[in-house]
Amino acid sequence: MNLLTVCCRGPEDVMSNRGNDLLLKLLQFRYPKIMTEEGVRVVRQWLGSSNPIEEASVYSGYEVDDDWCVSVLQSYQAEGDVLFPWSVGEDMAMEGRRQLALFLARKYMRNFETTHCTPLPASEFHSPWRL
């Protein structure tokens, strides 16, 4: 849980950003039981948001409970399986897997409005998050 990707995007088609593909591949490898076809679909919906308000709308539309997501991930980690890929989500309802998919996507990626090859300001670098 120690990677933070910052996605730079401008007004062009946000789904063409290669950072989106990298995020999806990372999540699919680390959390394959969460990132089923439905998990990928909701993360793509979130990634396709054209502004922070739309991102928040997608996130809240799936009623993501951040505290519940952290609790689930901490419980899984406490079971001793710390190497990826994790099987968390294996016996979980679709609703829970959707919440976790969006929660993890938001933890691993932040959007930063800029143009291509613009240096990222130091203020945008953040320490990795931990459970």
N, C-alpha and C. Protein backbone atom coordinates (compact mmCIF):
# COMPACT_ATOMS: atom_id res chain seq x y z
N MET A 1 0.82 -1.19 0.00
CA MET A 1 0.00 0.00 0.00
C MET A 1 0.86 1.25 0.00
N ASN A 2 1.97 1.22 -0.70
CA ASN A 2 2.88 2.34 -0.58
C ASN A 2 3.16 3.05 -1.89
N LEU A 3 2.21 3.05 -2.79
CA LEU A 3 2.41 3.73 -4.06
C LEU A 3 1.38 4.82 -4.22
N LEU A 4 1.83 5.98 -4.61
CA LEU A 4 0.91 7.08 -4.92
C LEU A 4 1.24 7.55 -6.31
N THR A 5 0.29 7.48 -7.19
CA THR A 5 0.47 7.95 -8.55
C THR A 5 -0.27 9.26 -8.69
N VAL A 6 0.35 10.23 -9.28
CA VAL A 6 -0.33 11.48 -9.57
C VAL A 6 -0.53 11.52 -11.08
N CYS A 7 -1.75 11.68 -11.49
CA CYS A 7 -2.08 11.70 -12.90
C CYS A 7 -2.21 13.14 -13.36
N CYS A 8 -1.47 13.48 -14.36
CA CYS A 8 -1.57 14.83 -14.92
C CYS A 8 -2.54 14.77 -16.09
N ARG A 9 -3.48 15.66 -16.10
CA ARG A 9 -4.42 15.67 -17.21
C ARG A 9 -4.84 17.10 -17.50
N GLY A 10 -5.14 17.31 -18.71
CA GLY A 10 -5.61 18.60 -19.15
C GLY A 10 -7.02 18.46 -19.68
N PRO A 11 -7.49 19.42 -20.45
CA PRO A 11 -8.87 19.40 -20.90
C PRO A 11 -9.16 18.36 -21.97
N GLU A 12 -8.13 17.76 -22.58
CA GLU A 12 -8.39 16.74 -23.60
C GLU A 12 -9.03 15.50 -22.97
N ASP A 13 -9.28 14.50 -23.77
CA ASP A 13 -9.93 13.29 -23.32
C ASP A 13 -9.15 12.63 -22.19
N VAL A 14 -9.71 12.63 -20.98
CA VAL A 14 -9.01 12.11 -19.81
C VAL A 14 -8.79 10.60 -19.88
N MET A 15 -9.64 9.90 -20.62
CA MET A 15 -9.47 8.45 -20.70
C MET A 15 -8.29 8.05 -21.57
N SER A 16 -7.70 8.98 -22.32
CA SER A 16 -6.54 8.66 -23.14
C SER A 16 -5.24 8.74 -22.34
N ASN A 17 -5.29 9.17 -21.09
CA ASN A 17 -4.11 9.30 -20.26
C ASN A 17 -3.56 7.92 -19.91
N ARG A 18 -2.30 7.68 -20.21
CA ARG A 18 -1.67 6.38 -19.96
C ARG A 18 -1.58 6.06 -18.46
N GLY A 19 -1.60 7.09 -17.62
CA GLY A 19 -1.60 6.85 -16.18
C GLY A 19 -2.81 6.06 -15.74
N ASN A 20 -3.93 6.23 -16.43
CA ASN A 20 -5.14 5.47 -16.11
C ASN A 20 -4.91 3.97 -16.32
N ASP A 21 -4.27 3.64 -17.44
CA ASP A 21 -3.97 2.23 -17.72
C ASP A 21 -3.03 1.65 -16.68
N LEU A 22 -2.03 2.43 -16.28
CA LEU A 22 -1.09 1.97 -15.26
C LEU A 22 -1.80 1.71 -13.93
N LEU A 23 -2.69 2.61 -13.56
CA LEU A 23 -3.45 2.43 -12.32
C LEU A 23 -4.28 1.15 -12.39
N LEU A 24 -5.00 0.95 -13.49
CA LEU A 24 -5.84 -0.24 -13.63
C LEU A 24 -5.01 -1.52 -13.57
N LYS A 25 -3.88 -1.54 -14.23
CA LYS A 25 -3.00 -2.73 -14.21
C LYS A 25 -2.50 -3.00 -12.79
N LEU A 26 -2.09 -1.95 -12.09
CA LEU A 26 -1.61 -2.10 -10.71
C LEU A 26 -2.71 -2.68 -9.82
N LEU A 27 -3.90 -2.09 -9.90
CA LEU A 27 -5.02 -2.57 -9.07
C LEU A 27 -5.42 -3.98 -9.43
N GLN A 28 -5.43 -4.31 -10.72
CA GLN A 28 -5.80 -5.66 -11.14
C GLN A 28 -4.79 -6.69 -10.65
N PHE A 29 -3.51 -6.33 -10.62
CA PHE A 29 -2.52 -7.27 -10.12
C PHE A 29 -2.61 -7.42 -8.61
N ARG A 30 -2.69 -6.32 -7.91
CA ARG A 30 -2.67 -6.37 -6.45
C ARG A 30 -3.98 -6.87 -5.84
N TYR A 31 -5.10 -6.57 -6.47
CA TYR A 31 -6.42 -6.88 -5.90
C TYR A 31 -7.32 -7.54 -6.96
N PRO A 32 -6.94 -8.71 -7.47
CA PRO A 32 -7.70 -9.32 -8.57
C PRO A 32 -9.14 -9.68 -8.22
N LYS A 33 -9.44 -9.97 -6.98
CA LYS A 33 -10.82 -10.33 -6.60
C LYS A 33 -11.71 -9.10 -6.48
N ILE A 34 -11.11 -7.94 -6.31
CA ILE A 34 -11.85 -6.68 -6.28
C ILE A 34 -11.99 -6.12 -7.69
N MET A 35 -10.91 -6.23 -8.45
CA MET A 35 -10.88 -5.65 -9.79
C MET A 35 -11.38 -6.63 -10.84
N THR A 36 -12.58 -7.11 -10.61
CA THR A 36 -13.26 -7.93 -11.60
C THR A 36 -13.74 -6.99 -12.70
N GLU A 37 -14.48 -7.50 -13.65
CA GLU A 37 -15.01 -6.66 -14.72
C GLU A 37 -15.80 -5.47 -14.16
N GLU A 38 -16.58 -5.71 -13.12
CA GLU A 38 -17.37 -4.64 -12.51
C GLU A 38 -16.48 -3.62 -11.80
N GLY A 39 -15.44 -4.09 -11.11
CA GLY A 39 -14.51 -3.17 -10.45
C GLY A 39 -13.81 -2.27 -11.45
N VAL A 40 -13.38 -2.85 -12.56
CA VAL A 40 -12.73 -2.07 -13.61
C VAL A 40 -13.72 -1.05 -14.17
N ARG A 41 -14.96 -1.45 -14.36
CA ARG A 41 -15.97 -0.54 -14.91
C ARG A 41 -16.17 0.69 -14.03
N VAL A 42 -16.30 0.48 -12.70
CA VAL A 42 -16.54 1.64 -11.83
C VAL A 42 -15.30 2.52 -11.71
N VAL A 43 -14.12 1.92 -11.73
CA VAL A 43 -12.90 2.73 -11.68
C VAL A 43 -12.77 3.53 -12.97
N ARG A 44 -13.08 2.93 -14.10
CA ARG A 44 -13.05 3.67 -15.37
C ARG A 44 -14.05 4.83 -15.35
N GLN A 45 -15.21 4.59 -14.75
CA GLN A 45 -16.20 5.66 -14.63
C GLN A 45 -15.61 6.81 -13.82
N TRP A 46 -14.97 6.50 -12.71
CA TRP A 46 -14.34 7.52 -11.86
C TRP A 46 -13.21 8.22 -12.61
N LEU A 47 -12.38 7.45 -13.32
CA LEU A 47 -11.28 8.03 -14.09
C LEU A 47 -11.78 8.94 -15.21
N GLY A 48 -12.95 8.66 -15.74
CA GLY A 48 -13.51 9.44 -16.83
C GLY A 48 -14.14 10.75 -16.39
N SER A 49 -14.15 11.00 -15.10
CA SER A 49 -14.71 12.26 -14.60
C SER A 49 -13.93 13.43 -15.15
N SER A 50 -14.64 14.48 -15.52
CA SER A 50 -13.97 15.62 -16.15
C SER A 50 -13.55 16.70 -15.17
N ASN A 51 -13.95 16.57 -13.89
CA ASN A 51 -13.55 17.57 -12.90
C ASN A 51 -13.72 16.97 -11.50
N PRO A 52 -13.17 17.64 -10.49
CA PRO A 52 -13.24 17.10 -9.12
C PRO A 52 -14.68 16.91 -8.61
N ILE A 53 -15.60 17.75 -9.04
CA ILE A 53 -16.99 17.60 -8.59
C ILE A 53 -17.59 16.31 -9.14
N GLU A 54 -17.30 16.03 -10.41
CA GLU A 54 -17.80 14.80 -11.01
C GLU A 54 -17.15 13.57 -10.37
N GLU A 55 -15.85 13.65 -10.06
CA GLU A 55 -15.17 12.56 -9.35
C GLU A 55 -15.87 12.28 -8.02
N ALA A 56 -16.12 13.33 -7.26
CA ALA A 56 -16.78 13.18 -5.96
C ALA A 56 -18.17 12.61 -6.13
N SER A 57 -18.87 12.99 -7.19
CA SER A 57 -20.21 12.48 -7.44
C SER A 57 -20.20 10.98 -7.72
N VAL A 58 -19.24 10.52 -8.50
CA VAL A 58 -19.12 9.09 -8.78
C VAL A 58 -18.81 8.36 -7.48
N TYR A 59 -17.88 8.88 -6.72
CA TYR A 59 -17.46 8.25 -5.47
C TYR A 59 -18.62 8.15 -4.48
N SER A 60 -19.34 9.24 -4.31
CA SER A 60 -20.47 9.23 -3.37
C SER A 60 -21.66 8.45 -3.93
N GLY A 61 -21.78 8.41 -5.25
CA GLY A 61 -22.88 7.67 -5.87
C GLY A 61 -22.82 6.18 -5.55
N TYR A 62 -21.62 5.67 -5.34
CA TYR A 62 -21.47 4.26 -4.95
C TYR A 62 -21.41 4.11 -3.44
N GLU A 63 -21.67 5.19 -2.73
CA GLU A 63 -21.73 5.20 -1.27
C GLU A 63 -20.50 4.57 -0.63
N VAL A 64 -19.33 4.99 -1.11
CA VAL A 64 -18.08 4.45 -0.58
C VAL A 64 -17.90 4.91 0.86
N ASP A 65 -17.73 3.95 1.74
CA ASP A 65 -17.50 4.21 3.16
C ASP A 65 -16.01 4.00 3.42
N ASP A 66 -15.25 5.09 3.47
CA ASP A 66 -13.80 5.00 3.64
C ASP A 66 -13.41 4.21 4.89
N ASP A 67 -14.09 4.44 5.99
CA ASP A 67 -13.76 3.74 7.24
C ASP A 67 -13.96 2.24 7.08
N TRP A 68 -15.05 1.84 6.43
CA TRP A 68 -15.31 0.41 6.21
C TRP A 68 -14.21 -0.19 5.33
N CYS A 69 -13.82 0.53 4.28
CA CYS A 69 -12.78 0.03 3.37
C CYS A 69 -11.46 -0.17 4.10
N VAL A 70 -11.07 0.81 4.91
CA VAL A 70 -9.83 0.68 5.68
C VAL A 70 -9.93 -0.51 6.63
N SER A 71 -11.07 -0.66 7.28
CA SER A 71 -11.28 -1.77 8.21
C SER A 71 -11.14 -3.12 7.51
N VAL A 72 -11.74 -3.26 6.34
CA VAL A 72 -11.66 -4.51 5.58
C VAL A 72 -10.21 -4.81 5.22
N LEU A 73 -9.52 -3.81 4.72
CA LEU A 73 -8.12 -4.01 4.31
C LEU A 73 -7.22 -4.30 5.50
N GLN A 74 -7.45 -3.63 6.62
CA GLN A 74 -6.66 -3.89 7.83
C GLN A 74 -6.90 -5.32 8.33
N SER A 75 -8.15 -5.75 8.31
CA SER A 75 -8.47 -7.11 8.73
C SER A 75 -7.77 -8.13 7.85
N TYR A 76 -7.79 -7.90 6.57
CA TYR A 76 -7.14 -8.82 5.65
C TYR A 76 -5.63 -8.83 5.89
N GLN A 77 -5.05 -7.65 6.08
CA GLN A 77 -3.62 -7.56 6.34
C GLN A 77 -3.26 -8.26 7.64
N ALA A 78 -4.12 -8.16 8.66
CA ALA A 78 -3.86 -8.78 9.96
C ALA A 78 -3.84 -10.30 9.87
N GLU A 79 -4.49 -10.84 8.86
CA GLU A 79 -4.48 -12.30 8.68
C GLU A 79 -3.11 -12.80 8.25
N GLY A 80 -2.20 -11.88 7.96
CA GLY A 80 -0.82 -12.27 7.69
C GLY A 80 -0.42 -12.30 6.23
N ASP A 81 -1.34 -12.15 5.32
CA ASP A 81 -1.01 -12.18 3.90
C ASP A 81 -0.64 -10.78 3.45
N VAL A 82 0.65 -10.49 3.39
CA VAL A 82 1.07 -9.14 3.04
C VAL A 82 1.69 -9.05 1.65
N LEU A 83 1.91 -10.18 1.00
CA LEU A 83 2.45 -10.18 -0.35
C LEU A 83 1.31 -10.09 -1.36
N PHE A 84 1.55 -9.36 -2.42
CA PHE A 84 0.56 -9.24 -3.48
C PHE A 84 0.73 -10.38 -4.48
N PRO A 85 -0.32 -10.79 -5.14
CA PRO A 85 -1.69 -10.27 -5.11
C PRO A 85 -2.47 -10.77 -3.89
N TRP A 86 -3.39 -9.93 -3.45
CA TRP A 86 -4.26 -10.27 -2.33
C TRP A 86 -5.55 -10.89 -2.85
N SER A 87 -6.15 -11.75 -2.05
CA SER A 87 -7.44 -12.33 -2.42
C SER A 87 -8.60 -11.65 -1.70
N VAL A 88 -8.33 -10.48 -1.11
CA VAL A 88 -9.39 -9.74 -0.44
C VAL A 88 -10.51 -9.45 -1.44
N GLY A 89 -11.74 -9.63 -0.99
CA GLY A 89 -12.90 -9.43 -1.86
C GLY A 89 -13.45 -10.72 -2.43
N GLU A 90 -12.76 -11.81 -2.18
CA GLU A 90 -13.13 -13.11 -2.75
C GLU A 90 -14.56 -13.53 -2.39
N ASP A 91 -14.92 -13.39 -1.14
CA ASP A 91 -16.25 -13.80 -0.67
C ASP A 91 -17.11 -12.58 -0.34
N MET A 92 -17.00 -11.55 -1.14
CA MET A 92 -17.67 -10.29 -0.83
C MET A 92 -18.73 -10.00 -1.88
N ALA A 93 -19.79 -9.34 -1.44
CA ALA A 93 -20.85 -8.93 -2.37
C ALA A 93 -20.30 -7.88 -3.34
N MET A 94 -20.94 -7.77 -4.49
CA MET A 94 -20.51 -6.83 -5.53
C MET A 94 -20.42 -5.39 -5.00
N GLU A 95 -21.37 -4.99 -4.17
CA GLU A 95 -21.37 -3.64 -3.61
C GLU A 95 -20.08 -3.35 -2.84
N GLY A 96 -19.64 -4.29 -2.03
CA GLY A 96 -18.40 -4.11 -1.27
C GLY A 96 -17.19 -4.04 -2.17
N ARG A 97 -17.16 -4.89 -3.20
CA ARG A 97 -16.02 -4.86 -4.13
C ARG A 97 -15.98 -3.54 -4.90
N ARG A 98 -17.14 -3.01 -5.26
CA ARG A 98 -17.18 -1.70 -5.94
C ARG A 98 -16.60 -0.61 -5.04
N GLN A 99 -17.04 -0.62 -3.77
CA GLN A 99 -16.54 0.39 -2.83
C GLN A 99 -15.02 0.30 -2.70
N LEU A 100 -14.52 -0.92 -2.53
CA LEU A 100 -13.08 -1.09 -2.38
C LEU A 100 -12.33 -0.68 -3.64
N ALA A 101 -12.87 -0.98 -4.81
CA ALA A 101 -12.22 -0.60 -6.06
C ALA A 101 -12.06 0.91 -6.15
N LEU A 102 -13.12 1.64 -5.86
CA LEU A 102 -13.05 3.11 -5.91
C LEU A 102 -12.17 3.67 -4.81
N PHE A 103 -12.27 3.10 -3.62
CA PHE A 103 -11.44 3.56 -2.50
C PHE A 103 -9.95 3.41 -2.85
N LEU A 104 -9.58 2.23 -3.36
CA LEU A 104 -8.18 1.98 -3.69
C LEU A 104 -7.72 2.87 -4.84
N ALA A 105 -8.57 3.06 -5.84
CA ALA A 105 -8.20 3.93 -6.96
C ALA A 105 -7.91 5.33 -6.46
N ARG A 106 -8.75 5.83 -5.57
CA ARG A 106 -8.55 7.18 -5.04
C ARG A 106 -7.32 7.27 -4.15
N LYS A 107 -6.98 6.17 -3.47
CA LYS A 107 -5.78 6.17 -2.63
C LYS A 107 -4.52 6.16 -3.47
N TYR A 108 -4.56 5.45 -4.59
CA TYR A 108 -3.36 5.31 -5.42
C TYR A 108 -3.17 6.45 -6.42
N MET A 109 -4.21 7.16 -6.76
CA MET A 109 -4.08 8.20 -7.78
C MET A 109 -4.77 9.49 -7.39
N ARG A 110 -4.09 10.58 -7.70
CA ARG A 110 -4.66 11.92 -7.56
C ARG A 110 -4.54 12.58 -8.92
N ASN A 111 -5.49 13.37 -9.26
CA ASN A 111 -5.42 14.12 -10.51
C ASN A 111 -4.81 15.48 -10.28
N PHE A 112 -4.02 15.90 -11.22
CA PHE A 112 -3.37 17.20 -11.17
C PHE A 112 -3.51 17.82 -12.54
N GLU A 113 -4.19 18.94 -12.61
CA GLU A 113 -4.42 19.63 -13.88
C GLU A 113 -3.14 20.31 -14.35
N THR A 114 -2.65 19.90 -15.51
CA THR A 114 -1.44 20.50 -16.08
C THR A 114 -1.34 20.12 -17.54
N THR A 115 -0.26 20.52 -18.16
CA THR A 115 0.01 20.12 -19.53
C THR A 115 1.14 19.11 -19.53
N HIS A 116 1.33 18.45 -20.65
CA HIS A 116 2.34 17.41 -20.78
C HIS A 116 3.73 17.96 -20.50
N CYS A 117 4.54 17.22 -19.78
CA CYS A 117 5.95 17.54 -19.48
C CYS A 117 6.14 18.73 -18.54
N THR A 118 5.09 19.16 -17.88
CA THR A 118 5.24 20.22 -16.88
C THR A 118 5.74 19.57 -15.59
N PRO A 119 6.81 20.08 -15.02
CA PRO A 119 7.31 19.48 -13.77
C PRO A 119 6.24 19.53 -12.67
N LEU A 120 6.16 18.47 -11.92
CA LEU A 120 5.21 18.39 -10.82
C LEU A 120 5.75 19.19 -9.64
N PRO A 121 4.95 20.12 -9.11
CA PRO A 121 5.41 20.91 -7.96
C PRO A 121 5.67 20.02 -6.74
N ALA A 122 6.64 20.39 -5.94
CA ALA A 122 6.99 19.60 -4.75
C ALA A 122 5.79 19.43 -3.82
N SER A 123 4.88 20.39 -3.81
CA SER A 123 3.71 20.30 -2.92
C SER A 123 2.78 19.15 -3.30
N GLU A 124 2.93 18.61 -4.51
CA GLU A 124 2.07 17.50 -4.95
C GLU A 124 2.63 16.13 -4.59
N PHE A 125 3.85 16.07 -4.07
CA PHE A 125 4.42 14.80 -3.64
C PHE A 125 3.95 14.50 -2.22
N HIS A 126 3.44 13.30 -2.01
CA HIS A 126 2.91 12.92 -0.70
C HIS A 126 3.53 11.60 -0.27
N SER A 127 3.69 11.45 1.02
CA SER A 127 4.18 10.18 1.55
C SER A 127 3.20 9.07 1.25
N PRO A 128 3.69 7.86 1.08
CA PRO A 128 2.77 6.74 0.84
C PRO A 128 1.81 6.56 2.01
N TRP A 129 0.62 6.08 1.72
CA TRP A 129 -0.35 5.83 2.77
C TRP A 129 -0.16 4.42 3.32
N ARG A 130 -0.50 4.26 4.56
CA ARG A 130 -0.38 2.96 5.23
C ARG A 130 -1.69 2.59 5.87
N LEU A 131 -1.92 1.30 5.95
CA LEU A 131 -3.12 0.82 6.64
C LEU A 131 -2.94 0.95 8.13
